[in-house]
C-alpha atoms as a PDB file:
ATOM      1  CA  ILE A   1      92.990  88.406 116.984  1.00  0.00           C
ATOM      2  CA  VAL A   2      94.805  89.091 120.222  1.00  0.00           C
ATOM      3  CA  PHE A   3      92.852  87.782 123.207  1.00  0.00           C
ATOM      4  CA  THR A   4      94.268  89.171 126.440  1.00  0.00           C
ATOM      5  CA  TYR A   5      93.548  90.643 129.855  1.00  0.00           C
ATOM      6  CA  SER A   6      91.735  93.915 130.412  1.00  0.00           C
ATOM      7  CA  ASP A   7      94.947  95.128 131.995  1.00  0.00           C
ATOM      8  CA  SER A   8      96.117  98.487 130.659  1.00  0.00           C
ATOM      9  CA  ARG A   9      99.709  97.371 131.247  1.00  0.00           C
ATOM     10  CA  ILE A  10      99.295  94.877 128.390  1.00  0.00           C
ATOM     11  CA  PRO A  11      98.736  97.011 125.261  1.00  0.00           C
ATOM     12  CA  PRO A  12      98.742  94.639 122.246  1.00  0.00           C
ATOM     13  CA  GLU A  13      99.156  97.463 119.729  1.00  0.00           C
ATOM     14  CA  LEU A  14     102.348  98.634 121.440  1.00  0.00           C
ATOM     15  CA  ILE A  15     103.642  95.143 122.199  1.00  0.00           C
ATOM     16  CA  PHE A  16     103.338  94.109 118.532  1.00  0.00           C
ATOM     17  CA  ASP A  17     104.254  97.543 117.110  1.00  0.00           C
ATOM     18  CA  GLN A  18     100.906  98.073 115.389  1.00  0.00           C
ATOM     19  CA  LYS A  19      98.676 101.096 114.952  1.00  0.00           C
ATOM     20  CA  LEU A  20      95.270 101.326 116.578  1.00  0.00           C
ATOM     21  CA  GLY A  21      92.753  99.404 114.521  1.00  0.00           C
ATOM     22  CA  GLU A  22      95.279  97.045 112.945  1.00  0.00           C
ATOM     23  CA  ILE A  23      94.719  94.283 115.496  1.00  0.00           C
ATOM     24  CA  TYR A  24      91.368  92.796 116.465  1.00  0.00           C
ATOM     25  CA  VAL A  25      91.715  92.870 120.259  1.00  0.00           C
ATOM     26  CA  ILE A  26      89.470  91.030 122.706  1.00  0.00           C
ATOM     27  CA  ARG A  27      90.007  91.818 126.372  1.00  0.00           C
ATOM     28  CA  ASN A  28      88.406  90.522 129.521  1.00  0.00           C
ATOM     29  CA  SER A  29      89.191  89.659 133.089  1.00  0.00           C
ATOM     30  CA  GLY A  30      91.350  86.586 133.491  1.00  0.00           C
ATOM     31  CA  LEU A  31      91.118  85.339 129.885  1.00  0.00           C
ATOM     32  CA  SER A  32      87.690  83.953 130.703  1.00  0.00           C
ATOM     33  CA  VAL A  33      85.934  82.214 127.845  1.00  0.00           C
ATOM     34  CA  ASP A  34      82.348  83.432 127.712  1.00  0.00           C
ATOM     35  CA  ASN A  35      79.713  83.995 125.023  1.00  0.00           C
ATOM     36  CA  SER A  36      80.959  87.499 124.302  1.00  0.00           C
ATOM     37  CA  THR A  37      84.486  86.222 123.667  1.00  0.00           C
ATOM     38  CA  LEU A  38      83.300  83.326 121.526  1.00  0.00           C
ATOM     39  CA  ASN A  39      80.949  85.548 119.498  1.00  0.00           C
ATOM     40  CA  SER A  40      83.753  88.052 118.903  1.00  0.00           C
ATOM     41  CA  ILE A  41      86.090  85.318 117.680  1.00  0.00           C
ATOM     42  CA  ASP A  42      83.400  83.845 115.417  1.00  0.00           C
ATOM     43  CA  GLN A  43      82.677  87.278 113.927  1.00  0.00           C
ATOM     44  CA  ALA A  44      86.360  88.016 113.308  1.00  0.00           C
ATOM     45  CA  ILE A  45      86.893  84.670 111.568  1.00  0.00           C
ATOM     46  CA  ASN A  46      83.662  84.668 109.549  1.00  0.00           C
ATOM     47  CA  GLU A  47      83.298  88.318 108.630  1.00  0.00           C
ATOM     48  CA  LEU A  48      86.840  89.680 108.694  1.00  0.00           C
ATOM     49  CA  GLY A  49      88.769  86.626 107.539  1.00  0.00           C
ATOM     50  CA  VAL A  50      91.003  86.479 110.594  1.00  0.00           C
ATOM     51  CA  ARG A  51      93.305  83.451 110.483  1.00  0.00           C
ATOM     52  CA  LEU A  52      95.446  83.902 113.600  1.00  0.00           C
ATOM     53  CA  VAL A  53      94.362  83.967 117.242  1.00  0.00           C
ATOM     54  CA  VAL A  54      97.064  84.926 119.746  1.00  0.00           C
ATOM     55  CA  ILE A  55      96.199  84.228 123.375  1.00  0.00           C
ATOM     56  CA  LEU A  56      98.370  86.670 125.304  1.00  0.00           C
ATOM     57  CA  ASP A  57      98.876  85.916 128.995  1.00  0.00           C
ATOM     58  CA  ARG A  58     101.198  87.552 131.502  1.00  0.00           C
ATOM     59  CA  SER A  59     104.277  85.679 132.593  1.00  0.00           C
ATOM     60  CA  SER A  60     104.525  84.864 136.264  1.00  0.00           C
ATOM     61  CA  GLN A  61     107.489  85.591 138.463  1.00  0.00           C
ATOM     62  CA  LYS A  62     108.124  81.830 138.478  1.00  0.00           C
ATOM     63  CA  GLY A  63     108.908  81.949 134.796  1.00  0.00           C
ATOM     64  CA  PHE A  64     107.043  81.018 131.686  1.00  0.00           C
ATOM     65  CA  ASP A  65     104.070  78.746 132.262  1.00  0.00           C
ATOM     66  CA  PHE A  66     101.825  78.147 129.287  1.00  0.00           C
ATOM     67  CA  SER A  67      99.279  75.999 131.158  1.00  0.00           C
ATOM     68  CA  ASN A  68      96.694  78.802 131.533  1.00  0.00           C
ATOM     69  CA  VAL A  69      97.058  79.799 127.899  1.00  0.00           C
ATOM     70  CA  ASP A  70      96.805  76.192 126.717  1.00  0.00           C
ATOM     71  CA  GLN A  71      93.652  75.684 128.793  1.00  0.00           C
ATOM     72  CA  THR A  72      92.171  78.854 127.362  1.00  0.00           C
ATOM     73  CA  ALA A  73      92.953  77.694 123.812  1.00  0.00           C
ATOM     74  CA  GLN A  74      91.172  74.410 124.472  1.00  0.00           C
ATOM     75  CA  LYS A  75      88.131  76.200 125.936  1.00  0.00           C
ATOM     76  CA  LEU A  76      87.953  78.462 122.888  1.00  0.00           C
ATOM     77  CA  ALA A  77      88.073  75.501 120.511  1.00  0.00           C
ATOM     78  CA  ASP A  78      85.496  73.615 122.578  1.00  0.00           C
ATOM     79  CA  GLY A  79      83.149  76.598 122.665  1.00  0.00           C
ATOM     80  CA  SER A  80      83.406  77.819 119.079  1.00  0.00           C
ATOM     81  CA  ALA A  81      82.389  75.594 116.192  1.00  0.00           C
ATOM     82  CA  VAL A  82      83.739  78.260 113.822  1.00  0.00           C
ATOM     83  CA  LEU A  83      87.188  78.227 115.419  1.00  0.00           C
ATOM     84  CA  ARG A  84      87.211  74.433 115.689  1.00  0.00           C
ATOM     85  CA  ALA A  85      86.353  74.090 111.978  1.00  0.00           C
ATOM     86  CA  GLY A  86      89.115  76.551 111.083  1.00  0.00           C
ATOM     87  CA  LEU A  87      91.624  74.630 113.171  1.00  0.00           C
ATOM     88  CA  GLU A  88      90.591  71.299 111.631  1.00  0.00           C
ATOM     89  CA  ALA A  89      90.830  72.758 108.112  1.00  0.00           C
ATOM     90  CA  LYS A  90      94.217  74.240 109.072  1.00  0.00           C
ATOM     91  CA  ASN A  91      93.248  77.700 107.874  1.00  0.00           C
ATOM     92  CA  VAL A  92      93.148  79.179 111.392  1.00  0.00           C
ATOM     93  CA  MET A  93      95.931  78.979 113.987  1.00  0.00           C
ATOM     94  CA  VAL A  94      95.843  79.543 117.729  1.00  0.00           C
ATOM     95  CA  VAL A  95      99.175  80.628 119.188  1.00  0.00           C
ATOM     96  CA  PRO A  96      99.850  80.927 122.924  1.00  0.00           C
ATOM     97  CA  ALA A  97     102.037  83.807 124.042  1.00  0.00           C
ATOM     98  CA  LEU A  98     103.358  85.121 127.344  1.00  0.00           C
ATOM     99  CA  TYR A  99     104.164  88.767 127.901  1.00  0.00           C
ATOM    100  CA  ASP A 100     106.886  89.584 130.414  1.00  0.00           C
ATOM    101  CA  MET A 101     105.730  92.827 131.979  1.00  0.00           C
ATOM    102  CA  ASP A 102     109.221  93.610 133.296  1.00  0.00           C
ATOM    103  CA  SER A 103     111.167  93.184 130.052  1.00  0.00           C
ATOM    104  CA  GLY A 104     108.380  93.825 127.536  1.00  0.00           C
ATOM    105  CA  LYS A 105     109.270  90.644 125.660  1.00  0.00           C
ATOM    106  CA  VAL A 106     106.797  88.131 124.287  1.00  0.00           C
ATOM    107  CA  THR A 107     107.516  84.401 124.272  1.00  0.00           C
ATOM    108  CA  PHE A 108     105.434  82.302 121.908  1.00  0.00           C
ATOM    109  CA  GLY A 109     104.455  78.711 122.648  1.00  0.00           C
ATOM    110  CA  LYS A 110     103.671  75.868 120.300  1.00  0.00           C
END
């Protein structure tokens, strides 16, 4: 899963060199965690066997700040029992990432 902004300047398929349909992409405004997002994540984990959730934020002009992505990861785990169980069982990972819109590079967090 790539969870990112509904910003057309952040195309996960192009960023990660994948064809359309090869990445389960969830987009919304501001990486907001709502029922639609949580239900989509639960479905992808339960029905499609997804084991990796990448939270893709934009880097700021100040540099790389993972605080928004880390907060989003915590909200996802708090809101989804399916994701939380996968994290506890260590068969699902959540990885924060920042996309530099100027260079096109992605920096992954811990």
